Amino acid sequence: MAFSATRPDDSFESPADLQAIREAEHNMGDFKLKSDPEYVPPEVHIAQHAWQLLSKYLCCQAVLNIPKQPHMLR
């Protein structure tokens, strides 16, 4: 109960918070969210992701294609 008594009214807006929001909107720019349907990743990210997938695939292929040695079949 004591905490609720010290809580500000729901309609209260701190002037400092409002100023910080205005500054952020003015200075931060427009960041695209990856969840946005219109988001298109930069070409650099697409190429890096392709190389990572290729690297993982080649690693898996190398592990799967190791010749079985008779002493390892026990």
PDB file of N, CA and C in Angstrom:
ATOM      1  N   MET A   1       0.810  -1.189   0.000  1.00  0.00           N
ATOM      2  CA  MET A   1       0.000   0.000   0.000  1.00  0.00           C
ATOM      3  C   MET A   1       0.861   1.263   0.000  1.00  0.00           C
ATOM      4  N   ALA A   2       1.973   1.241   0.714  1.00  0.00           N
ATOM      5  CA  ALA A   2       2.802   2.433   0.831  1.00  0.00           C
ATOM      6  C   ALA A   2       3.393   2.821  -0.526  1.00  0.00           C
ATOM      7  N   PHE A   3       3.756   1.822  -1.316  1.00  0.00           N
ATOM      8  CA  PHE A   3       4.330   2.106  -2.632  1.00  0.00           C
ATOM      9  C   PHE A   3       3.288   2.753  -3.539  1.00  0.00           C
ATOM     10  N   SER A   4       2.094   2.227  -3.548  1.00  0.00           N
ATOM     11  CA  SER A   4       1.030   2.785  -4.390  1.00  0.00           C
ATOM     12  C   SER A   4       0.689   4.217  -3.997  1.00  0.00           C
ATOM     13  N   ALA A   5       0.818   4.542  -2.728  1.00  0.00           N
ATOM     14  CA  ALA A   5       0.509   5.897  -2.271  1.00  0.00           C
ATOM     15  C   ALA A   5       1.514   6.910  -2.799  1.00  0.00           C
ATOM     16  N   THR A   6       2.766   6.487  -3.053  1.00  0.00           N
ATOM     17  CA  THR A   6       3.792   7.404  -3.533  1.00  0.00           C
ATOM     18  C   THR A   6       3.849   7.454  -5.059  1.00  0.00           C
ATOM     19  N   ARG A   7       3.068   6.640  -5.703  1.00  0.00           N
ATOM     20  CA  ARG A   7       3.066   6.570  -7.157  1.00  0.00           C
ATOM     21  C   ARG A   7       2.381   7.822  -7.734  1.00  0.00           C
ATOM     22  N   PRO A   8       2.985   8.422  -8.797  1.00  0.00           N
ATOM     23  CA  PRO A   8       2.359   9.611  -9.380  1.00  0.00           C
ATOM     24  C   PRO A   8       1.083   9.252 -10.144  1.00  0.00           C
ATOM     25  N   ASP A   9       0.271  10.251 -10.385  1.00  0.00           N
ATOM     26  CA  ASP A   9      -0.968  10.082 -11.135  1.00  0.00           C
ATOM     27  C   ASP A   9      -0.646   9.570 -12.546  1.00  0.00           C
ATOM     28  N   ASP A  10      -1.538   8.766 -13.138  1.00  0.00           N
ATOM     29  CA  ASP A  10      -1.298   8.197 -14.467  1.00  0.00           C
ATOM     30  C   ASP A  10      -1.170   9.261 -15.551  1.00  0.00           C
ATOM     31  N   SER A  11      -1.776  10.401 -15.353  1.00  0.00           N
ATOM     32  CA  SER A  11      -1.715  11.457 -16.371  1.00  0.00           C
ATOM     33  C   SER A  11      -0.456  12.330 -16.229  1.00  0.00           C
ATOM     34  N   PHE A  12       0.349  12.106 -15.184  1.00  0.00           N
ATOM     35  CA  PHE A  12       1.554  12.911 -14.952  1.00  0.00           C
ATOM     36  C   PHE A  12       2.629  12.543 -15.962  1.00  0.00           C
ATOM     37  N   GLU A  13       3.214  13.542 -16.579  1.00  0.00           N
ATOM     38  CA  GLU A  13       4.331  13.345 -17.487  1.00  0.00           C
ATOM     39  C   GLU A  13       5.479  14.238 -17.034  1.00  0.00           C
ATOM     40  N   SER A  14       6.589  13.613 -16.764  1.00  0.00           N
ATOM     41  CA  SER A  14       7.750  14.342 -16.282  1.00  0.00           C
ATOM     42  C   SER A  14       8.315  15.228 -17.397  1.00  0.00           C
ATOM     43  N   PRO A  15       8.543  16.503 -17.111  1.00  0.00           N
ATOM     44  CA  PRO A  15       9.140  17.381 -18.125  1.00  0.00           C
ATOM     45  C   PRO A  15      10.518  16.901 -18.580  1.00  0.00           C
ATOM     46  N   ALA A  16      11.273  16.335 -17.666  1.00  0.00           N
ATOM     47  CA  ALA A  16      12.600  15.825 -18.038  1.00  0.00           C
ATOM     48  C   ALA A  16      12.463  14.645 -19.005  1.00  0.00           C
ATOM     49  N   ASP A  17      11.493  13.768 -18.761  1.00  0.00           N
ATOM     50  CA  ASP A  17      11.265  12.634 -19.655  1.00  0.00           C
ATOM     51  C   ASP A  17      10.806  13.110 -21.035  1.00  0.00           C
ATOM     52  N   LEU A  18       9.904  14.069 -21.059  1.00  0.00           N
ATOM     53  CA  LEU A  18       9.425  14.596 -22.334  1.00  0.00           C
ATOM     54  C   LEU A  18      10.560  15.225 -23.130  1.00  0.00           C
ATOM     55  N   GLN A  19      11.444  15.952 -22.452  1.00  0.00           N
ATOM     56  CA  GLN A  19      12.597  16.571 -23.115  1.00  0.00           C
ATOM     57  C   GLN A  19      13.538  15.496 -23.660  1.00  0.00           C
ATOM     58  N   ALA A  20      13.770  14.456 -22.876  1.00  0.00           N
ATOM     59  CA  ALA A  20      14.652  13.362 -23.320  1.00  0.00           C
ATOM     60  C   ALA A  20      14.066  12.657 -24.549  1.00  0.00           C
ATOM     61  N   ILE A  21      12.762  12.471 -24.573  1.00  0.00           N
ATOM     62  CA  ILE A  21      12.113  11.836 -25.721  1.00  0.00           C
ATOM     63  C   ILE A  21      12.253  12.721 -26.963  1.00  0.00           C
ATOM     64  N   ARG A  22      12.038  14.027 -26.807  1.00  0.00           N
ATOM     65  CA  ARG A  22      12.185  14.948 -27.944  1.00  0.00           C
ATOM     66  C   ARG A  22      13.615  14.930 -28.480  1.00  0.00           C
ATOM     67  N   GLU A  23      14.594  14.949 -27.598  1.00  0.00           N
ATOM     68  CA  GLU A  23      15.996  14.917 -28.026  1.00  0.00           C
ATOM     69  C   GLU A  23      16.319  13.611 -28.748  1.00  0.00           C
ATOM     70  N   ALA A  24      15.813  12.508 -28.227  1.00  0.00           N
ATOM     71  CA  ALA A  24      16.069  11.210 -28.857  1.00  0.00           C
ATOM     72  C   ALA A  24      15.449  11.159 -30.253  1.00  0.00           C
ATOM     73  N   GLU A  25      14.225  11.627 -30.378  1.00  0.00           N
ATOM     74  CA  GLU A  25      13.565  11.633 -31.692  1.00  0.00           C
ATOM     75  C   GLU A  25      14.323  12.517 -32.680  1.00  0.00           C
ATOM     76  N   HIS A  26      14.873  13.602 -32.192  1.00  0.00           N
ATOM     77  CA  HIS A  26      15.588  14.535 -33.061  1.00  0.00           C
ATOM     78  C   HIS A  26      16.974  14.020 -33.456  1.00  0.00           C
ATOM     79  N   ASN A  27      17.679  13.359 -32.540  1.00  0.00           N
ATOM     80  CA  ASN A  27      19.086  13.005 -32.753  1.00  0.00           C
ATOM     81  C   ASN A  27      19.344  11.574 -33.206  1.00  0.00           C
ATOM     82  N   MET A  28      18.454  10.654 -32.910  1.00  0.00           N
ATOM     83  CA  MET A  28      18.769   9.249 -33.150  1.00  0.00           C
ATOM     84  C   MET A  28      18.634   8.832 -34.609  1.00  0.00           C
ATOM     85  N   GLY A  29      17.769   9.437 -35.365  1.00  0.00           N
ATOM     86  CA  GLY A  29      17.588   9.035 -36.744  1.00  0.00           C
ATOM     87  C   GLY A  29      16.528   7.947 -36.857  1.00  0.00           C
ATOM     88  N   ASP A  30      16.459   7.359 -38.042  1.00  0.00           N
ATOM     89  CA  ASP A  30      15.432   6.369 -38.338  1.00  0.00           C
ATOM     90  C   ASP A  30      16.084   4.995 -38.435  1.00  0.00           C
ATOM     91  N   PHE A  31      15.857   4.167 -37.434  1.00  0.00           N
ATOM     92  CA  PHE A  31      16.416   2.825 -37.421  1.00  0.00           C
ATOM     93  C   PHE A  31      15.354   1.838 -37.873  1.00  0.00           C
ATOM     94  N   LYS A  32      15.672   1.023 -38.859  1.00  0.00           N
ATOM     95  CA  LYS A  32      14.743   0.017 -39.358  1.00  0.00           C
ATOM     96  C   LYS A  32      14.812  -1.213 -38.462  1.00  0.00           C
ATOM     97  N   LEU A  33      13.660  -1.707 -38.072  1.00  0.00           N
ATOM     98  CA  LEU A  33      13.606  -2.923 -37.268  1.00  0.00           C
ATOM     99  C   LEU A  33      13.639  -4.134 -38.184  1.00  0.00           C
ATOM    100  N   LYS A  34      14.353  -5.160 -37.768  1.00  0.00           N
ATOM    101  CA  LYS A  34      14.431  -6.367 -38.579  1.00  0.00           C
ATOM    102  C   LYS A  34      13.086  -7.076 -38.679  1.00  0.00           C
ATOM    103  N   SER A  35      12.186  -6.794 -37.748  1.00  0.00           N
ATOM    104  CA  SER A  35      10.868  -7.411 -37.791  1.00  0.00           C
ATOM    105  C   SER A  35       9.921  -6.657 -38.735  1.00  0.00           C
ATOM    106  N   ASP A  36      10.353  -5.508 -39.233  1.00  0.00           N
ATOM    107  CA  ASP A  36       9.535  -4.726 -40.154  1.00  0.00           C
ATOM    108  C   ASP A  36       9.441  -5.455 -41.490  1.00  0.00           C
ATOM    109  N   PRO A  37       8.245  -5.631 -42.049  1.00  0.00           N
ATOM    110  CA  PRO A  37       8.101  -6.335 -43.336  1.00  0.00           C
ATOM    111  C   PRO A  37       8.865  -5.662 -44.471  1.00  0.00           C
ATOM    112  N   GLU A  38       9.125  -4.373 -44.356  1.00  0.00           N
ATOM    113  CA  GLU A  38       9.833  -3.656 -45.416  1.00  0.00           C
ATOM    114  C   GLU A  38      11.345  -3.610 -45.193  1.00  0.00           C
ATOM    115  N   TYR A  39      11.847  -4.272 -44.154  1.00  0.00           N
ATOM    116  CA  TYR A  39      13.285  -4.240 -43.849  1.00  0.00           C
ATOM    117  C   TYR A  39      14.049  -5.048 -44.899  1.00  0.00           C
ATOM    118  N   VAL A  40      15.087  -4.457 -45.437  1.00  0.00           N
ATOM    119  CA  VAL A  40      15.968  -5.135 -46.384  1.00  0.00           C
ATOM    120  C   VAL A  40      17.375  -5.063 -45.805  1.00  0.00           C
ATOM    121  N   PRO A  41      17.991  -6.217 -45.507  1.00  0.00           N
ATOM    122  CA  PRO A  41      19.338  -6.179 -44.924  1.00  0.00           C
ATOM    123  C   PRO A  41      20.356  -5.659 -45.941  1.00  0.00           C
ATOM    124  N   PRO A  42      21.383  -4.978 -45.460  1.00  0.00           N
ATOM    125  CA  PRO A  42      22.440  -4.497 -46.356  1.00  0.00           C
ATOM    126  C   PRO A  42      23.135  -5.666 -47.044  1.00  0.00           C
ATOM    127  N   GLU A  43      23.641  -5.416 -48.232  1.00  0.00           N
ATOM    128  CA  GLU A  43      24.315  -6.460 -49.021  1.00  0.00           C
ATOM    129  C   GLU A  43      25.467  -7.102 -48.246  1.00  0.00           C
ATOM    130  N   VAL A  44      26.175  -6.306 -47.458  1.00  0.00           N
ATOM    131  CA  VAL A  44      27.305  -6.834 -46.687  1.00  0.00           C
ATOM    132  C   VAL A  44      26.832  -7.926 -45.728  1.00  0.00           C
ATOM    133  N   HIS A  45      25.699  -7.713 -45.073  1.00  0.00           N
ATOM    134  CA  HIS A  45      25.188  -8.700 -44.125  1.00  0.00           C
ATOM    135  C   HIS A  45      24.759  -9.973 -44.835  1.00  0.00           C
ATOM    136  N   ILE A  46      24.183  -9.831 -46.016  1.00  0.00           N
ATOM    137  CA  ILE A  46      23.757 -11.007 -46.779  1.00  0.00           C
ATOM    138  C   ILE A  46      24.983 -11.840 -47.159  1.00  0.00           C
ATOM    139  N   ALA A  47      26.034 -11.188 -47.618  1.00  0.00           N
ATOM    140  CA  ALA A  47      27.251 -11.901 -48.016  1.00  0.00           C
ATOM    141  C   ALA A  47      27.905 -12.579 -46.816  1.00  0.00           C
ATOM    142  N   GLN A  48      27.966 -11.884 -45.672  1.00  0.00           N
ATOM    143  CA  GLN A  48      28.562 -12.480 -44.475  1.00  0.00           C
ATOM    144  C   GLN A  48      27.772 -13.704 -44.039  1.00  0.00           C
ATOM    145  N   HIS A  49      26.448 -13.619 -44.084  1.00  0.00           N
ATOM    146  CA  HIS A  49      25.612 -14.741 -43.677  1.00  0.00           C
ATOM    147  C   HIS A  49      25.824 -15.929 -44.620  1.00  0.00           C
ATOM    148  N   ALA A  50      25.945 -15.654 -45.910  1.00  0.00           N
ATOM    149  CA  ALA A  50      26.178 -16.731 -46.877  1.00  0.00           C
ATOM    150  C   ALA A  50      27.512 -17.429 -46.598  1.00  0.00           C
ATOM    151  N   TRP A  51      28.554 -16.656 -46.290  1.00  0.00           N
ATOM    152  CA  TRP A  51      29.855 -17.247 -45.983  1.00  0.00           C
ATOM    153  C   TRP A  51      29.804 -18.082 -44.700  1.00  0.00           C
ATOM    154  N   GLN A  52      29.069 -17.614 -43.711  1.00  0.00           N
ATOM    155  CA  GLN A  52      28.935 -18.373 -42.460  1.00  0.00           C
ATOM    156  C   GLN A  52      28.230 -19.702 -42.715  1.00  0.00           C
ATOM    157  N   LEU A  53      27.166 -19.684 -43.497  1.00  0.00           N
ATOM    158  CA  LEU A  53      26.451 -20.921 -43.804  1.00  0.00           C
ATOM    159  C   LEU A  53      27.335 -21.882 -44.592  1.00  0.00           C
ATOM    160  N   LEU A  54      28.071 -21.359 -45.564  1.00  0.00           N
ATOM    161  CA  LEU A  54      28.966 -22.197 -46.357  1.00  0.00           C
ATOM    162  C   LEU A  54      30.048 -22.814 -45.477  1.00  0.00           C
ATOM    163  N   SER A  55      30.596 -22.024 -44.576  1.00  0.00           N
ATOM    164  CA  SER A  55      31.624 -22.519 -43.675  1.00  0.00           C
ATOM    165  C   SER A  55      31.093 -23.642 -42.784  1.00  0.00           C
ATOM    166  N   LYS A  56      29.900 -23.468 -42.240  1.00  0.00           N
ATOM    167  CA  LYS A  56      29.297 -24.502 -41.398  1.00  0.00           C
ATOM    168  C   LYS A  56      29.030 -25.768 -42.204  1.00  0.00           C
ATOM    169  N   TYR A  57      28.543 -25.595 -43.425  1.00  0.00           N
ATOM    170  CA  TYR A  57      28.265 -26.744 -44.278  1.00  0.00           C
ATOM    171  C   TYR A  57      29.543 -27.522 -44.579  1.00  0.00           C
ATOM    172  N   LEU A  58      30.613 -26.810 -44.934  1.00  0.00           N
ATOM    173  CA  LEU A  58      31.869 -27.478 -45.259  1.00  0.00           C
ATOM    174  C   LEU A  58      32.458 -28.183 -44.041  1.00  0.00           C
ATOM    175  N   CYS A  59      32.295 -27.602 -42.866  1.00  0.00           N
ATOM    176  CA  CYS A  59      32.765 -28.231 -41.636  1.00  0.00           C
ATOM    177  C   CYS A  59      32.018 -29.548 -41.401  1.00  0.00           C
ATOM    178  N   CYS A  60      30.715 -29.494 -41.554  1.00  0.00           N
ATOM    179  CA  CYS A  60      29.901 -30.705 -41.353  1.00  0.00           C
ATOM    180  C   CYS A  60      30.271 -31.774 -42.368  1.00  0.00           C
ATOM    181  N   GLN A  61      30.469 -31.362 -43.607  1.00  0.00           N
ATOM    182  CA  GLN A  61      30.859 -32.321 -44.642  1.00  0.00           C
ATOM    183  C   GLN A  61      32.207 -32.956 -44.306  1.00  0.00           C
ATOM    184  N   ALA A  62      33.135 -32.170 -43.812  1.00  0.00           N
ATOM    185  CA  ALA A  62      34.456 -32.684 -43.464  1.00  0.00           C
ATOM    186  C   ALA A  62      34.352 -33.701 -42.337  1.00  0.00           C
ATOM    187  N   VAL A  63      33.519 -33.440 -41.358  1.00  0.00           N
ATOM    188  CA  VAL A  63      33.360 -34.358 -40.233  1.00  0.00           C
ATOM    189  C   VAL A  63      32.671 -35.637 -40.688  1.00  0.00           C
ATOM    190  N   LEU A  64      31.663 -35.524 -41.515  1.00  0.00           N
ATOM    191  CA  LEU A  64      30.910 -36.699 -41.960  1.00  0.00           C
ATOM    192  C   LEU A  64      31.696 -37.567 -42.919  1.00  0.00           C
ATOM    193  N   ASN A  65      32.656 -36.990 -43.618  1.00  0.00           N
ATOM    194  CA  ASN A  65      33.418 -37.745 -44.612  1.00  0.00           C
ATOM    195  C   ASN A  65      34.752 -38.272 -44.093  1.00  0.00           C
ATOM    196  N   ILE A  66      34.958 -38.232 -42.783  1.00  0.00           N
ATOM    197  CA  ILE A  66      36.190 -38.783 -42.216  1.00  0.00           C
ATOM    198  C   ILE A  66      36.159 -40.297 -42.406  1.00  0.00           C
ATOM    199  N   PRO A  67      37.201 -40.841 -43.022  1.00  0.00           N
ATOM    200  CA  PRO A  67      37.203 -42.296 -43.215  1.00  0.00           C
ATOM    201  C   PRO A  67      37.235 -43.015 -41.867  1.00  0.00           C
ATOM    202  N   LYS A  68      36.467 -44.051 -41.760  1.00  0.00           N
ATOM    203  CA  LYS A  68      36.403 -44.824 -40.518  1.00  0.00           C
ATOM    204  C   LYS A  68      37.628 -45.731 -40.420  1.00  0.00           C
ATOM    205  N   GLN A  69      38.353 -45.588 -39.359  1.00  0.00           N
ATOM    206  CA  GLN A  69      39.514 -46.430 -39.097  1.00  0.00           C
ATOM    207  C   GLN A  69      39.049 -47.681 -38.347  1.00  0.00           C
ATOM    208  N   PRO A  70      39.633 -48.829 -38.615  1.00  0.00           N
ATOM    209  CA  PRO A  70      39.180 -50.059 -37.932  1.00  0.00           C
ATOM    210  C   PRO A  70      39.243 -49.941 -36.415  1.00  0.00           C
ATOM    211  N   HIS A  71      40.243 -49.270 -35.876  1.00  0.00           N
ATOM    212  CA  HIS A  71      40.348 -49.158 -34.418  1.00  0.00           C
ATOM    213  C   HIS A  71      39.292 -48.204 -33.837  1.00  0.00           C
ATOM    214  N   MET A  72      38.606 -47.428 -34.683  1.00  0.00           N
ATOM    215  CA  MET A  72      37.597 -46.506 -34.211  1.00  0.00           C
ATOM    216  C   MET A  72      36.188 -47.113 -34.257  1.00  0.00           C
ATOM    217  N   LEU A  73      36.054 -48.324 -34.795  1.00  0.00           N
ATOM    218  CA  LEU A  73      34.734 -48.923 -34.965  1.00  0.00           C
ATOM    219  C   LEU A  73      34.279 -49.712 -33.752  1.00  0.00           C
ATOM    220  N   ARG A  74      35.023 -49.755 -32.700  1.00  0.00           N
ATOM    221  CA  ARG A  74      34.645 -50.531 -31.520  1.00  0.00           C
ATOM    222  C   ARG A  74      33.448 -49.995 -30.830  1.00  0.00           C
TER     223      ARG A  74
END
